[in-house]
Protein backbone atom coordinates (compact mmCIF):
# COMPACT_ATOMS: atom_id res chain seq x y z
CA MET A 1 20.75 44.23 17.99
CA LYS A 2 22.97 46.92 19.55
CA ILE A 3 22.17 50.87 20.13
CA GLY A 4 24.34 53.39 20.25
CA ILE A 5 22.71 56.79 22.58
CA ILE A 6 24.64 59.83 21.51
CA GLY A 7 23.21 63.59 22.07
CA LEU A 8 24.67 66.46 23.31
CA PRO A 9 26.48 67.22 26.71
CA GLN A 10 23.81 66.64 29.75
CA SER A 11 21.27 65.97 26.70
CA GLY A 12 19.54 63.07 28.98
CA LYS A 13 21.15 60.33 27.56
CA THR A 14 22.26 58.18 30.45
CA ASN A 15 19.13 59.07 32.05
CA VAL A 16 17.38 57.63 29.17
CA PHE A 17 20.25 54.47 29.08
CA THR A 18 19.19 54.10 32.39
CA ALA A 19 15.30 53.82 31.82
CA LEU A 20 15.68 51.68 29.19
CA THR A 21 17.67 49.12 31.14
CA GLY A 22 16.47 49.26 34.73
CA SER A 23 20.02 49.63 35.54
CA SER A 24 22.48 52.75 36.56
CA ALA A 25 24.27 54.82 36.10
CA ALA A 26 26.74 57.55 37.29
CA ILE A 27 25.18 60.34 35.96
CA GLY A 28 26.60 64.05 34.65
CA ILE A 29 29.63 65.65 32.21
CA GLY A 30 32.79 63.56 32.86
CA SER A 31 31.09 61.92 35.51
CA THR A 32 33.09 57.71 34.28
CA LYS A 33 34.87 57.59 31.69
CA LYS A 34 33.83 53.61 31.37
CA LYS A 35 30.79 53.20 28.66
CA ASN A 36 27.81 52.82 29.83
CA GLN A 37 26.56 49.35 28.28
CA ALA A 38 23.74 46.90 29.30
CA ILE A 39 22.13 44.38 27.52
CA VAL A 40 18.47 43.67 28.00
CA LYS A 41 16.21 40.51 27.63
CA VAL A 42 13.05 41.53 24.67
CA PRO A 43 9.96 39.70 26.55
CA ASP A 44 7.89 37.95 23.89
CA GLN A 45 4.56 36.25 25.20
CA ARG A 46 5.33 34.17 21.82
CA LEU A 47 8.60 32.84 22.75
CA ASP A 48 7.27 31.53 25.87
CA PHE A 49 3.82 30.22 23.89
CA LEU A 50 6.32 27.84 20.89
CA SER A 51 8.37 27.27 23.97
CA LYS A 52 5.75 25.27 26.31
CA ILE A 53 4.93 23.80 23.07
CA TYR A 54 8.00 22.50 21.62
CA GLU A 55 9.58 22.27 25.07
CA PRO A 56 13.63 22.78 23.85
CA GLN A 57 16.05 22.00 26.18
CA LYS A 58 17.44 26.23 25.51
CA THR A 59 15.02 29.01 24.25
CA THR A 60 16.64 32.22 23.91
CA PRO A 61 15.12 35.21 23.79
CA ALA A 62 16.24 38.30 21.45
CA THR A 63 18.57 40.65 23.36
CA VAL A 64 18.82 44.37 22.07
CA ASN A 65 22.52 46.37 23.67
CA TYR A 66 22.71 49.40 24.46
CA LEU A 67 25.71 51.72 24.37
CA ASP A 68 25.44 55.47 25.40
CA LEU A 69 28.32 56.73 23.97
CA SER A 70 30.33 60.20 24.76
CA SER A 71 28.81 63.36 24.56
CA LEU A 72 29.32 64.84 20.88
CA ARG A 73 30.20 68.34 21.20
CA ARG A 74 29.57 70.11 18.61
CA GLY A 75 32.93 71.01 15.71
CA LYS A 76 34.31 68.14 17.41
CA ILE A 77 35.01 65.87 14.74
CA SER A 78 37.19 68.53 12.48
CA ALA A 79 39.25 67.71 9.11
CA ASP A 80 42.56 67.92 11.40
CA SER A 81 41.43 65.65 14.66
CA ILE A 82 38.60 63.57 14.54
CA ASP A 83 37.86 61.96 16.88
CA ALA A 84 38.83 58.41 16.73
CA GLU A 85 36.32 56.25 20.14
CA PHE A 86 33.97 57.94 18.91
CA LEU A 87 33.59 56.55 15.37
CA ASP A 88 34.63 53.31 16.52
CA GLN A 89 32.12 52.54 18.18
CA LEU A 90 29.55 54.32 16.19
CA ARG A 91 30.54 52.17 13.44
CA SER A 92 29.95 48.80 15.81
CA VAL A 93 26.60 49.82 16.18
CA ASP A 94 23.39 48.96 14.03
CA ALA A 95 21.10 51.38 15.31
CA ILE A 96 21.71 55.61 16.79
CA LEU A 97 19.27 56.84 18.96
CA MET A 98 20.19 60.45 19.37
CA VAL A 99 18.36 62.53 22.14
CA VAL A 100 18.29 65.93 22.04
CA ARG A 101 17.71 68.07 25.19
CA LYS A 102 14.31 70.16 25.30
CA PHE A 103 14.23 70.25 29.44
CA GLU A 104 14.40 73.85 31.16
CA SER A 105 16.86 73.79 34.21
CA ALA A 106 18.63 76.68 35.96
CA ASN A 107 21.91 73.71 37.75
CA ILE A 108 22.41 72.48 34.18
CA MET A 109 23.28 74.52 31.38
CA HIS A 110 23.43 73.65 28.04
CA PRO A 111 26.33 73.71 25.81
CA LEU A 112 25.05 75.82 23.20
CA GLU A 113 23.77 78.30 25.49
CA THR A 114 19.80 78.26 24.38
CA ILE A 115 17.66 74.98 24.82
CA ASP A 116 16.46 74.35 20.32
CA ALA A 117 15.75 71.07 19.91
CA VAL A 118 15.35 71.08 16.28
CA HIS A 119 19.05 73.25 16.04
CA ASP A 120 20.42 70.43 18.75
CA ALA A 121 19.53 67.54 16.01
CA GLU A 122 20.45 69.52 13.32
CA ASN A 123 23.84 69.85 14.78
CA LEU A 124 24.67 66.51 15.39
CA ASN A 125 23.47 65.50 12.07
CA ASN A 126 25.17 67.53 10.33
CA GLU A 127 28.88 66.15 12.80
CA LEU A 128 27.55 62.72 11.64
CA MET A 129 28.14 63.26 8.03
CA LEU A 130 31.23 65.42 8.38
CA ALA A 131 32.47 62.16 10.69
CA ASP A 132 30.35 60.01 6.97
CA LEU A 133 32.65 62.39 4.47
CA MET A 134 35.79 62.60 6.50
CA ILE A 135 36.01 58.67 6.25
CA ILE A 136 35.23 58.94 2.81
CA GLU A 137 38.55 61.84 1.88
CA LYS A 138 40.40 59.07 3.76
CA ARG A 139 39.03 56.16 1.62
CA LEU A 140 39.35 57.71 -1.71
CA GLU A 141 42.86 59.28 -1.05
CA LYS A 142 43.89 55.44 -0.12
CA ILE A 143 42.60 54.28 -3.33
CA ASP A 144 44.57 57.25 -4.78
CA LYS A 145 47.63 56.03 -3.24
CA ASP A 146 47.47 52.13 -4.85
CA ALA A 147 46.33 52.87 -8.06
CA LYS A 148 49.51 54.96 -8.24
């Protein structure tokens, strides 16, 4: 399974990524241009038990692939400019883990100036719905063009 971690800048996405994966990653705006990615083996006592009984040549545990996607800024996805890289990364994941900020810190500014987790989640959902709408419109244009 591949899980993409999304959220506004400074929401704690990379902190969640490091907590889930046990890896270290650079934190902060523009800290790295390379997307953080890690594969984590899922511990399963049932698999260990069955391996002991049947003694297969190879035992392959389930894995979860975490991908720390770039920050989604409000209004980043628009009719004029779709962030193709972000959408391509988003299409490649099986599930989305949305991180919204609820903590306050004088050292870390919130991109929307007020900390409201519900409002941030709604904004992110709206941006994702807009991205879906843009994809649908492009597809309809292509179908219409092919029909002519």
